[in-house]
PDB file of N, CA and C in Angstrom:
ATOM      1  N   MET A   1     101.272  71.115 201.049  1.00  0.00           N
ATOM      2  CA  MET A   1     101.662  70.434 199.859  1.00  0.00           C
ATOM      3  C   MET A   1     100.662  69.344 199.481  1.00  0.00           C
ATOM      4  N   VAL A   2     100.222  68.625 200.468  1.00  0.00           N
ATOM      5  CA  VAL A   2      99.265  67.561 200.215  1.00  0.00           C
ATOM      6  C   VAL A   2      97.951  68.157 199.728  1.00  0.00           C
ATOM      7  N   VAL A   3      97.594  69.298 200.250  1.00  0.00           N
ATOM      8  CA  VAL A   3      96.360  69.955 199.864  1.00  0.00           C
ATOM      9  C   VAL A   3      96.434  70.381 198.396  1.00  0.00           C
ATOM     10  N   ARG A   4      97.613  70.876 198.004  1.00  0.00           N
ATOM     11  CA  ARG A   4      97.763  71.303 196.612  1.00  0.00           C
ATOM     12  C   ARG A   4      97.672  70.117 195.652  1.00  0.00           C
ATOM     13  N   ARG A   5      98.199  68.989 196.041  1.00  0.00           N
ATOM     14  CA  ARG A   5      98.121  67.815 195.171  1.00  0.00           C
ATOM     15  C   ARG A   5      96.678  67.354 195.020  1.00  0.00           C
ATOM     16  N   ARG A   6      95.944  67.355 196.090  1.00  0.00           N
ATOM     17  CA  ARG A   6      94.539  66.969 196.007  1.00  0.00           C
ATOM     18  C   ARG A   6      93.752  67.988 195.174  1.00  0.00           C
ATOM     19  N   PHE A   7      94.117  69.255 195.396  1.00  0.00           N
ATOM     20  CA  PHE A   7      93.448  70.319 194.647  1.00  0.00           C
ATOM     21  C   PHE A   7      93.730  70.172 193.156  1.00  0.00           C
ATOM     22  N   ARG A   8      94.987  69.917 192.785  1.00  0.00           N
ATOM     23  CA  ARG A   8      95.361  69.711 191.388  1.00  0.00           C
ATOM     24  C   ARG A   8      94.730  68.433 190.840  1.00  0.00           C
ATOM     25  N   ALA A   9      94.694  67.413 191.645  1.00  0.00           N
ATOM     26  CA  ALA A   9      94.103  66.150 191.208  1.00  0.00           C
ATOM     27  C   ALA A   9      92.608  66.321 190.927  1.00  0.00           C
ATOM     28  N   PHE A  10      91.994  67.266 191.565  1.00  0.00           N
ATOM     29  CA  PHE A  10      90.580  67.529 191.345  1.00  0.00           C
ATOM     30  C   PHE A  10      90.373  68.522 190.194  1.00  0.00           C
ATOM     31  N   LEU A  11      91.206  69.571 190.123  1.00  0.00           N
ATOM     32  CA  LEU A  11      91.015  70.627 189.139  1.00  0.00           C
ATOM     33  C   LEU A  11      91.403  70.224 187.709  1.00  0.00           C
ATOM     34  N   ILE A  12      92.451  69.484 187.544  1.00  0.00           N
ATOM     35  CA  ILE A  12      92.899  69.119 186.191  1.00  0.00           C
ATOM     36  C   ILE A  12      91.857  68.267 185.476  1.00  0.00           C
ATOM     37  N   PRO A  13      91.322  67.203 186.062  1.00  0.00           N
ATOM     38  CA  PRO A  13      90.255  66.469 185.365  1.00  0.00           C
ATOM     39  C   PRO A  13      88.990  67.313 185.162  1.00  0.00           C
ATOM     40  N   LEU A  14      88.691  68.163 186.136  1.00  0.00           N
ATOM     41  CA  LEU A  14      87.516  69.035 186.001  1.00  0.00           C
ATOM     42  C   LEU A  14      87.695  69.992 184.827  1.00  0.00           C
ATOM     43  N   ALA A  15      88.865  70.558 184.678  1.00  0.00           N
ATOM     44  CA  ALA A  15      89.131  71.461 183.560  1.00  0.00           C
ATOM     45  C   ALA A  15      89.064  70.709 182.232  1.00  0.00           C
ATOM     46  N   LEU A  16      89.591  69.498 182.175  1.00  0.00           N
ATOM     47  CA  LEU A  16      89.533  68.711 180.940  1.00  0.00           C
ATOM     48  C   LEU A  16      88.094  68.359 180.563  1.00  0.00           C
ATOM     49  N   TYR A  17      87.306  67.982 181.574  1.00  0.00           N
ATOM     50  CA  TYR A  17      85.896  67.696 181.312  1.00  0.00           C
ATOM     51  C   TYR A  17      85.151  68.946 180.837  1.00  0.00           C
ATOM     52  N   ALA A  18      85.486  70.099 181.426  1.00  0.00           N
ATOM     53  CA  ALA A  18      84.835  71.352 181.028  1.00  0.00           C
ATOM     54  C   ALA A  18      85.189  71.704 179.577  1.00  0.00           C
ATOM     55  N   VAL A  19      86.449  71.550 179.205  1.00  0.00           N
ATOM     56  CA  VAL A  19      86.864  71.831 177.832  1.00  0.00           C
ATOM     57  C   VAL A  19      86.193  70.854 176.867  1.00  0.00           C
ATOM     58  N   ALA A  20      86.129  69.580 177.232  1.00  0.00           N
ATOM     59  CA  ALA A  20      85.479  68.583 176.381  1.00  0.00           C
ATOM     60  C   ALA A  20      83.989  68.885 176.242  1.00  0.00           C
ATOM     61  N   ALA A  21      83.343  69.263 177.337  1.00  0.00           N
ATOM     62  CA  ALA A  21      81.919  69.595 177.296  1.00  0.00           C
ATOM     63  C   ALA A  21      81.680  70.826 176.426  1.00  0.00           C
ATOM     64  N   ALA A  22      82.553  71.819 176.507  1.00  0.00           N
ATOM     65  CA  ALA A  22      82.412  73.016 175.680  1.00  0.00           C
ATOM     66  C   ALA A  22      82.573  72.669 174.202  1.00  0.00           C
ATOM     67  N   ALA A  23      83.532  71.806 173.869  1.00  0.00           N
ATOM     68  CA  ALA A  23      83.737  71.407 172.471  1.00  0.00           C
ATOM     69  C   ALA A  23      82.521  70.638 171.949  1.00  0.00           C
ATOM     70  N   VAL A  24      82.005  69.709 172.755  1.00  0.00           N
ATOM     71  CA  VAL A  24      80.822  68.947 172.352  1.00  0.00           C
ATOM     72  C   VAL A  24      79.624  69.877 172.202  1.00  0.00           C
ATOM     73  N   GLY A  25      79.473  70.797 173.117  1.00  0.00           N
ATOM     74  CA  GLY A  25      78.375  71.761 173.042  1.00  0.00           C
ATOM     75  C   GLY A  25      78.452  72.619 171.795  1.00  0.00           C
ATOM     76  N   TYR A  26      79.648  73.033 171.433  1.00  0.00           N
ATOM     77  CA  TYR A  26      79.841  73.830 170.227  1.00  0.00           C
ATOM     78  C   TYR A  26      79.399  73.056 168.991  1.00  0.00           C
ATOM     79  N   PHE A  27      79.830  71.809 168.892  1.00  0.00           N
ATOM     80  CA  PHE A  27      79.488  71.014 167.711  1.00  0.00           C
ATOM     81  C   PHE A  27      78.005  70.654 167.686  1.00  0.00           C
ATOM     82  N   VAL A  28      77.402  70.392 168.818  1.00  0.00           N
ATOM     83  CA  VAL A  28      75.966  70.094 168.872  1.00  0.00           C
ATOM     84  C   VAL A  28      75.160  71.330 168.465  1.00  0.00           C
ATOM     85  N   HIS A  29      75.580  72.486 168.956  1.00  0.00           N
ATOM     86  CA  HIS A  29      74.894  73.725 168.600  1.00  0.00           C
ATOM     87  C   HIS A  29      74.966  73.964 167.093  1.00  0.00           C
ATOM     88  N   ASN A  30      76.142  73.799 166.505  1.00  0.00           N
ATOM     89  CA  ASN A  30      76.274  73.996 165.060  1.00  0.00           C
ATOM     90  C   ASN A  30      75.521  72.936 164.270  1.00  0.00           C
ATOM     91  N   ALA A  31      75.393  71.742 164.814  1.00  0.00           N
ATOM     92  CA  ALA A  31      74.619  70.701 164.133  1.00  0.00           C
ATOM     93  C   ALA A  31      73.130  71.058 164.115  1.00  0.00           C
ATOM     94  N   GLN A  32      72.688  71.824 165.090  1.00  0.00           N
ATOM     95  CA  GLN A  32      71.284  72.213 165.146  1.00  0.00           C
ATOM     96  C   GLN A  32      70.996  73.450 164.292  1.00  0.00           C
ATOM     97  N   VAL A  33      71.748  74.521 164.515  1.00  0.00           N
ATOM     98  CA  VAL A  33      71.383  75.804 163.909  1.00  0.00           C
ATOM     99  C   VAL A  33      72.445  76.370 162.985  1.00  0.00           C
ATOM    100  N   GLY A  34      73.449  75.654 162.639  1.00  0.00           N
ATOM    101  CA  GLY A  34      74.503  76.159 161.760  1.00  0.00           C
ATOM    102  C   GLY A  34      74.048  76.232 160.311  1.00  0.00           C
ATOM    103  N   ASN A  35      74.951  76.680 159.448  1.00  0.00           N
ATOM    104  CA  ASN A  35      74.635  76.811 158.020  1.00  0.00           C
ATOM    105  C   ASN A  35      74.257  75.482 157.384  1.00  0.00           C
ATOM    106  N   ARG A  36      74.801  74.403 157.903  1.00  0.00           N
ATOM    107  CA  ARG A  36      74.509  73.071 157.379  1.00  0.00           C
ATOM    108  C   ARG A  36      73.809  72.202 158.428  1.00  0.00           C
ATOM    109  N   GLY A  37      73.145  72.839 159.366  1.00  0.00           N
ATOM    110  CA  GLY A  37      72.501  72.125 160.460  1.00  0.00           C
ATOM    111  C   GLY A  37      71.119  71.615 160.109  1.00  0.00           C
ATOM    112  N   LEU A  38      70.442  71.101 161.139  1.00  0.00           N
ATOM    113  CA  LEU A  38      69.114  70.510 160.949  1.00  0.00           C
ATOM    114  C   LEU A  38      68.072  71.550 160.560  1.00  0.00           C
ATOM    115  N   ALA A  39      68.168  72.747 161.131  1.00  0.00           N
ATOM    116  CA  ALA A  39      67.209  73.803 160.780  1.00  0.00           C
ATOM    117  C   ALA A  39      67.374  74.206 159.317  1.00  0.00           C
ATOM    118  N   ALA A  40      68.601  74.312 158.863  1.00  0.00           N
ATOM    119  CA  ALA A  40      68.840  74.650 157.453  1.00  0.00           C
ATOM    120  C   ALA A  40      68.346  73.534 156.543  1.00  0.00           C
ATOM    121  N   LYS A  41      68.493  72.296 156.990  1.00  0.00           N
ATOM    122  CA  LYS A  41      68.026  71.165 156.183  1.00  0.00           C
ATOM    123  C   LYS A  41      66.504  71.196 156.035  1.00  0.00           C
ATOM    124  N   ARG A  42      65.803  71.519 157.125  1.00  0.00           N
ATOM    125  CA  ARG A  42      64.348  71.625 157.058  1.00  0.00           C
ATOM    126  C   ARG A  42      63.933  72.752 156.114  1.00  0.00           C
ATOM    127  N   ALA A  43      64.626  73.884 156.187  1.00  0.00           N
ATOM    128  CA  ALA A  43      64.297  75.010 155.316  1.00  0.00           C
ATOM    129  C   ALA A  43      64.537  74.634 153.849  1.00  0.00           C
ATOM    130  N   LEU A  44      65.615  73.932 153.578  1.00  0.00           N
ATOM    131  CA  LEU A  44      65.899  73.518 152.205  1.00  0.00           C
ATOM    132  C   LEU A  44      64.867  72.515 151.696  1.00  0.00           C
ATOM    133  N   LYS A  45      64.419  71.603 152.557  1.00  0.00           N
ATOM    134  CA  LYS A  45      63.395  70.644 152.135  1.00  0.00           C
ATOM    135  C   LYS A  45      62.090  71.360 151.804  1.00  0.00           C
ATOM    136  N   THR A  46      61.740  72.364 152.592  1.00  0.00           N
ATOM    137  CA  THR A  46      60.533  73.143 152.323  1.00  0.00           C
ATOM    138  C   THR A  46      60.660  73.872 150.986  1.00  0.00           C
ATOM    139  N   GLN A  47      61.823  74.455 150.760  1.00  0.00           N
ATOM    140  CA  GLN A  47      62.054  75.165 149.504  1.00  0.00           C
ATOM    141  C   GLN A  47      62.012  74.206 148.316  1.00  0.00           C
ATOM    142  N   VAL A  48      62.567  73.023 148.472  1.00  0.00           N
ATOM    143  CA  VAL A  48      62.544  72.028 147.388  1.00  0.00           C
ATOM    144  C   VAL A  48      61.105  71.626 147.086  1.00  0.00           C
ATOM    145  N   PHE A  49      60.291  71.431 148.124  1.00  0.00           N
ATOM    146  CA  PHE A  49      58.886  71.055 147.931  1.00  0.00           C
ATOM    147  C   PHE A  49      58.139  72.139 147.155  1.00  0.00           C
ATOM    148  N   GLU A  50      58.351  73.402 147.528  1.00  0.00           N
ATOM    149  CA  GLU A  50      57.675  74.503 146.838  1.00  0.00           C
ATOM    150  C   GLU A  50      58.141  74.607 145.390  1.00  0.00           C
ATOM    151  N   LEU A  51      59.437  74.457 145.165  1.00  0.00           N
ATOM    152  CA  LEU A  51      59.963  74.571 143.804  1.00  0.00           C
ATOM    153  C   LEU A  51      59.515  73.410 142.923  1.00  0.00           C
ATOM    154  N   ARG A  52      59.345  72.227 143.515  1.00  0.00           N
ATOM    155  CA  ARG A  52      58.841  71.098 142.718  1.00  0.00           C
ATOM    156  C   ARG A  52      57.419  71.341 142.268  1.00  0.00           C
ATOM    157  N   GLY A  53      56.600  71.922 143.144  1.00  0.00           N
ATOM    158  CA  GLY A  53      55.231  72.272 142.762  1.00  0.00           C
ATOM    159  C   GLY A  53      55.212  73.293 141.642  1.00  0.00           C
ATOM    160  N   GLU A  54      56.084  74.291 141.743  1.00  0.00           N
ATOM    161  CA  GLU A  54      56.182  75.298 140.696  1.00  0.00           C
ATOM    162  C   GLU A  54      56.679  74.675 139.390  1.00  0.00           C
ATOM    163  N   LEU A  55      57.620  73.751 139.493  1.00  0.00           N
ATOM    164  CA  LEU A  55      58.137  73.076 138.305  1.00  0.00           C
ATOM    165  C   LEU A  55      57.043  72.275 137.607  1.00  0.00           C
ATOM    166  N   GLU A  56      56.219  71.579 138.369  1.00  0.00           N
ATOM    167  CA  GLU A  56      55.123  70.809 137.773  1.00  0.00           C
ATOM    168  C   GLU A  56      54.140  71.722 137.049  1.00  0.00           C
ATOM    169  N   ALA A  57      53.852  72.881 137.639  1.00  0.00           N
ATOM    170  CA  ALA A  57      52.933  73.821 136.991  1.00  0.00           C
ATOM    171  C   ALA A  57      53.532  74.351 135.688  1.00  0.00           C
ATOM    172  N   VAL A  58      54.811  74.664 135.717  1.00  0.00           N
ATOM    173  CA  VAL A  58      55.459  75.178 134.514  1.00  0.00           C
ATOM    174  C   VAL A  58      55.553  74.089 133.448  1.00  0.00           C
ATOM    175  N   GLN A  59      55.812  72.861 133.865  1.00  0.00           N
ATOM    176  CA  GLN A  59      55.867  71.766 132.895  1.00  0.00           C
ATOM    177  C   GLN A  59      54.504  71.530 132.249  1.00  0.00           C
ATOM    178  N   ALA A  60      53.433  71.654 133.025  1.00  0.00           N
ATOM    179  CA  ALA A  60      52.087  71.494 132.461  1.00  0.00           C
ATOM    180  C   ALA A  60      51.792  72.602 131.455  1.00  0.00           C
ATOM    181  N   GLU A  61      52.193  73.824 131.796  1.00  0.00           N
ATOM    182  CA  GLU A  61      51.997  74.937 130.863  1.00  0.00           C
ATOM    183  C   GLU A  61      52.834  74.729 129.597  1.00  0.00           C
ATOM    184  N   HIS A  62      54.040  74.246 129.771  1.00  0.00           N
ATOM    185  CA  HIS A  62      54.913  73.979 128.619  1.00  0.00           C
ATOM    186  C   HIS A  62      54.303  72.909 127.719  1.00  0.00           C
ATOM    187  N   ALA A  63      53.737  71.880 128.318  1.00  0.00           N
ATOM    188  CA  ALA A  63      53.102  70.820 127.529  1.00  0.00           C
ATOM    189  C   ALA A  63      51.897  71.359 126.768  1.00  0.00           C
ATOM    190  N   ALA A  64      51.137  72.253 127.388  1.00  0.00           N
ATOM    191  CA  ALA A  64      49.985  72.846 126.702  1.00  0.00           C
ATOM    192  C   ALA A  64      50.440  73.675 125.504  1.00  0.00           C
ATOM    193  N   TRP A  65      51.500  74.445 125.677  1.00  0.00           N
ATOM    194  CA  TRP A  65      52.023  75.227 124.551  1.00  0.00           C
ATOM    195  C   TRP A  65      52.591  74.327 123.471  1.00  0.00           C
ATOM    196  N   ASP A  66      53.229  73.236 123.874  1.00  0.00           N
ATOM    197  CA  ASP A  66      53.741  72.295 122.874  1.00  0.00           C
ATOM    198  C   ASP A  66      52.616  71.701 122.029  1.00  0.00           C
ATOM    199  N   ARG A  67      51.498  71.381 122.685  1.00  0.00           N
ATOM    200  CA  ARG A  67      50.352  70.845 121.932  1.00  0.00           C
ATOM    201  C   ARG A  67      49.821  71.872 120.937  1.00  0.00           C
ATOM    202  N   ARG A  68      49.716  73.131 121.371  1.00  0.00           N
ATOM    203  CA  ARG A  68      49.217  74.172 120.467  1.00  0.00           C
ATOM    204  C   ARG A  68      50.187  74.417 119.318  1.00  0.00           C
ATOM    205  N   LEU A  69      51.479  74.404 119.618  1.00  0.00           N
ATOM    206  CA  LEU A  69      52.466  74.617 118.561  1.00  0.00           C
ATOM    207  C   LEU A  69      52.502  73.447 117.585  1.00  0.00           C
ATOM    208  N   ALA A  70      52.253  72.244 118.083  1.00  0.00           N
ATOM    209  CA  ALA A  70      52.235  71.080 117.206  1.00  0.00           C
ATOM    210  C   ALA A  70      51.113  71.207 116.180  1.00  0.00           C
ATOM    211  N   LEU A  71      50.020  71.851 116.556  1.00  0.00           N
ATOM    212  CA  LEU A  71      48.924  72.052 115.607  1.00  0.00           C
ATOM    213  C   LEU A  71      49.332  73.008 114.488  1.00  0.00           C
ATOM    214  N   LEU A  72      50.201  73.947 114.798  1.00  0.00           N
ATOM    215  CA  LEU A  72      50.639  74.896 113.778  1.00  0.00           C
ATOM    216  C   LEU A  72      51.802  74.362 112.943  1.00  0.00           C
ATOM    217  N   ARG A  73      52.572  73.428 113.464  1.00  0.00           N
ATOM    218  CA  ARG A  73      53.758  72.930 112.779  1.00  0.00           C
ATOM    219  C   ARG A  73      53.474  71.775 111.829  1.00  0.00           C
ATOM    220  N   SER A  74      52.372  71.132 111.988  1.00  0.00           N
ATOM    221  CA  SER A  74      52.122  69.925 111.193  1.00  0.00           C
ATOM    222  C   SER A  74      51.958  70.270 109.717  1.00  0.00           C
ATOM    223  N   ASP A  75      51.929  69.243 108.876  1.00  0.00           N
ATOM    224  CA  ASP A  75      51.775  69.451 107.436  1.00  0.00           C
ATOM    225  C   ASP A  75      50.430  70.098 107.112  1.00  0.00           C
ATOM    226  N   GLN A  76      49.423  69.706 107.859  1.00  0.00           N
ATOM    227  CA  GLN A  76      48.112  70.295 107.657  1.00  0.00           C
ATOM    228  C   GLN A  76      47.791  71.138 108.890  1.00  0.00           C
ATOM    229  N   VAL A  77      47.760  72.436 108.726  1.00  0.00           N
ATOM    230  CA  VAL A  77      47.544  73.364 109.831  1.00  0.00           C
ATOM    231  C   VAL A  77      46.097  73.283 110.299  1.00  0.00           C
ATOM    232  N   ASP A  78      45.892  73.306 111.609  1.00  0.00           N
ATOM    233  CA  ASP A  78      44.540  73.318 112.159  1.00  0.00           C
ATOM    234  C   ASP A  78      43.891  74.655 111.804  1.00  0.00           C
ATOM    235  N   ARG A  79      42.836  74.606 111.030  1.00  0.00           N
ATOM    236  CA  ARG A  79      42.226  75.830 110.501  1.00  0.00           C
ATOM    237  C   ARG A  79      41.630  76.692 111.610  1.00  0.00           C
ATOM    238  N   ASP A  80      41.032  76.071 112.608  1.00  0.00           N
ATOM    239  CA  ASP A  80      40.412  76.847 113.685  1.00  0.00           C
ATOM    240  C   ASP A  80      41.469  77.636 114.457  1.00  0.00           C
ATOM    241  N   LEU A  81      42.569  77.002 114.765  1.00  0.00           N
ATOM    242  CA  LEU A  81      43.624  77.673 115.513  1.00  0.00           C
ATOM    243  C   LEU A  81      44.240  78.797 114.677  1.00  0.00           C
ATOM    244  N   LEU A  82      44.443  78.549 113.396  1.00  0.00           N
ATOM    245  CA  LEU A  82      44.995  79.571 112.517  1.00  0.00           C
ATOM    246  C   LEU A  82      44.051  80.768 112.412  1.00  0.00           C
ATOM    247  N   GLU A  83      42.765  80.480 112.289  1.00  0.00           N
ATOM    248  CA  GLU A  83      41.785  81.553 112.194  1.00  0.00           C
ATOM    249  C   GLU A  83      41.727  82.363 113.489  1.00  0.00           C
ATOM    250  N   GLU A  84      41.784  81.677 114.608  1.00  0.00           N
ATOM    251  CA  GLU A  84      41.760  82.359 115.900  1.00  0.00           C
ATOM    252  C   GLU A  84      42.950  83.300 116.041  1.00  0.00           C
ATOM    253  N   ARG A  85      44.129  82.838 115.714  1.00  0.00           N
ATOM    254  CA  ARG A  85      45.333  83.657 115.835  1.00  0.00           C
ATOM    255  C   ARG A  85      45.288  84.838 114.856  1.00  0.00           C
ATOM    256  N   ALA A  86      44.800  84.598 113.650  1.00  0.00           N
ATOM    257  CA  ALA A  86      44.712  85.679 112.666  1.00  0.00           C
ATOM    258  C   ALA A  86      43.747  86.754 113.135  1.00  0.00           C
ATOM    259  N   ARG A  87      42.627  86.367 113.698  1.00  0.00           N
ATOM    260  CA  ARG A  87      41.657  87.343 114.201  1.00  0.00           C
ATOM    261  C   ARG A  87      42.246  88.173 115.338  1.00  0.00           C
ATOM    262  N   VAL A  88      42.943  87.513 116.238  1.00  0.00           N
ATOM    263  CA  VAL A  88      43.528  88.241 117.367  1.00  0.00           C
ATOM    264  C   VAL A  88      44.582  89.222 116.870  1.00  0.00           C
ATOM    265  N   MET A  89      45.430  88.778 115.956  1.00  0.00           N
ATOM    266  CA  MET A  89      46.513  89.638 115.488  1.00  0.00           C
ATOM    267  C   MET A  89      46.002  90.795 114.630  1.00  0.00           C
ATOM    268  N   LEU A  90      44.971  90.566 113.837  1.00  0.00           N
ATOM    269  CA  LEU A  90      44.443  91.612 112.957  1.00  0.00           C
ATOM    270  C   LEU A  90      43.360  92.450 113.614  1.00  0.00           C
ATOM    271  N   GLY A  91      42.852  91.998 114.739  1.00  0.00           N
ATOM    272  CA  GLY A  91      41.803  92.749 115.425  1.00  0.00           C
ATOM    273  C   GLY A  91      40.476  92.702 114.688  1.00  0.00           C
ATOM    274  N   ARG A  92      40.181  91.607 114.029  1.00  0.00           N
ATOM    275  CA  ARG A  92      38.964  91.471 113.235  1.00  0.00           C
ATOM    276  C   ARG A  92      38.057  90.432 113.881  1.00  0.00           C
ATOM    277  N   VAL A  93      36.810  90.464 113.469  1.00  0.00           N
ATOM    278  CA  VAL A  93      35.840  89.481 113.941  1.00  0.00           C
ATOM    279  C   VAL A  93      35.127  88.870 112.747  1.00  0.00           C
ATOM    280  N   HIS A  94      34.573  87.698 112.967  1.00  0.00           N
ATOM    281  CA  HIS A  94      33.797  87.016 111.924  1.00  0.00           C
ATOM    282  C   HIS A  94      32.388  87.593 111.933  1.00  0.00           C
ATOM    283  N   ARG A  95      31.693  87.540 110.802  1.00  0.00           N
ATOM    284  CA  ARG A  95      30.362  88.147 110.732  1.00  0.00           C
ATOM    285  C   ARG A  95      29.349  87.433 111.625  1.00  0.00           C
ATOM    286  N   ASN A  96      29.597  86.179 111.971  1.00  0.00           N
ATOM    287  CA  ASN A  96      28.673  85.445 112.838  1.00  0.00           C
ATOM    288  C   ASN A  96      29.046  85.558 114.330  1.00  0.00           C
ATOM    289  N   ASP A  97      30.135  86.249 114.623  1.00  0.00           N
ATOM    290  CA  ASP A  97      30.556  86.393 116.022  1.00  0.00           C
ATOM    291  C   ASP A  97      29.705  87.431 116.724  1.00  0.00           C
ATOM    292  N   LEU A  98      29.462  87.209 117.988  1.00  0.00           N
ATOM    293  CA  LEU A  98      28.744  88.157 118.822  1.00  0.00           C
ATOM    294  C   LEU A  98      29.777  88.938 119.626  1.00  0.00           C
ATOM    295  N   VAL A  99      29.790  90.254 119.447  1.00  0.00           N
ATOM    296  CA  VAL A  99      30.762  91.104 120.118  1.00  0.00           C
ATOM    297  C   VAL A  99      30.042  91.864 121.216  1.00  0.00           C
ATOM    298  N   ILE A 100      30.554  91.766 122.418  1.00  0.00           N
ATOM    299  CA  ILE A 100      29.980  92.477 123.553  1.00  0.00           C
ATOM    300  C   ILE A 100      30.975  93.552 123.955  1.00  0.00           C
ATOM    301  N   VAL A 101      30.570  94.804 123.863  1.00  0.00           N
ATOM    302  CA  VAL A 101      31.434  95.925 124.208  1.00  0.00           C
ATOM    303  C   VAL A 101      31.107  96.350 125.630  1.00  0.00           C
ATOM    304  N   GLN A 102      32.123  96.360 126.465  1.00  0.00           N
ATOM    305  CA  GLN A 102      31.938  96.767 127.852  1.00  0.00           C
ATOM    306  C   GLN A 102      32.475  98.187 128.014  1.00  0.00           C
ATOM    307  N   PRO A 103      31.747  99.022 128.750  1.00  0.00           N
ATOM    308  CA  PRO A 103      32.227 100.393 128.935  1.00  0.00           C
ATOM    309  C   PRO A 103      33.464 100.407 129.834  1.00  0.00           C
ATOM    310  N   LEU A 104      34.372 101.328 129.556  1.00  0.00           N
ATOM    311  CA  LEU A 104      35.557 101.460 130.390  1.00  0.00           C
ATOM    312  C   LEU A 104      35.176 102.176 131.665  1.00  0.00           C
ATOM    313  N   SER A 105      35.624 101.652 132.782  1.00  0.00           N
ATOM    314  CA  SER A 105      35.305 102.301 134.044  1.00  0.00           C
ATOM    315  C   SER A 105      36.497 103.125 134.495  1.00  0.00           C
ATOM    316  N   ALA A 106      36.201 104.219 135.198  1.00  0.00           N
ATOM    317  CA  ALA A 106      37.253 105.103 135.660  1.00  0.00           C
ATOM    318  C   ALA A 106      37.988 104.504 136.861  1.00  0.00           C
ATOM    319  N   GLU A 107      37.330 103.586 137.546  1.00  0.00           N
ATOM    320  CA  GLU A 107      37.931 102.960 138.730  1.00  0.00           C
ATOM    321  C   GLU A 107      38.748 101.748 138.304  1.00  0.00           C
ATOM    322  N   PRO A 108      39.935 101.581 138.884  1.00  0.00           N
ATOM    323  CA  PRO A 108      40.757 100.411 138.534  1.00  0.00           C
ATOM    324  C   PRO A 108      40.255  99.150 139.160  1.00  0.00           C
TER     325      PRO A 108
END
């Protein structure tokens, strides 16, 4: 009987510590590699950095198009830009333009 009491006195705290350690281990593991863990946070930061770079490039392109469109929208249209667009759309060239024809190659 005395042996069983000592055995229980040893096993019950050991079992409680084991359960507590398992619970802590579970939460630490999920904090590291879970859906909202540190690894996911690093991946999201990398993705945000890449997307910000892409956003800056797109914003610069948008600003360039805005500048070109502003030339066409103003009260006095920029003649050079209008002439350039008309030539491209009509497939024509000016008599002073130098046209260089390149042969089509069979290889891509």
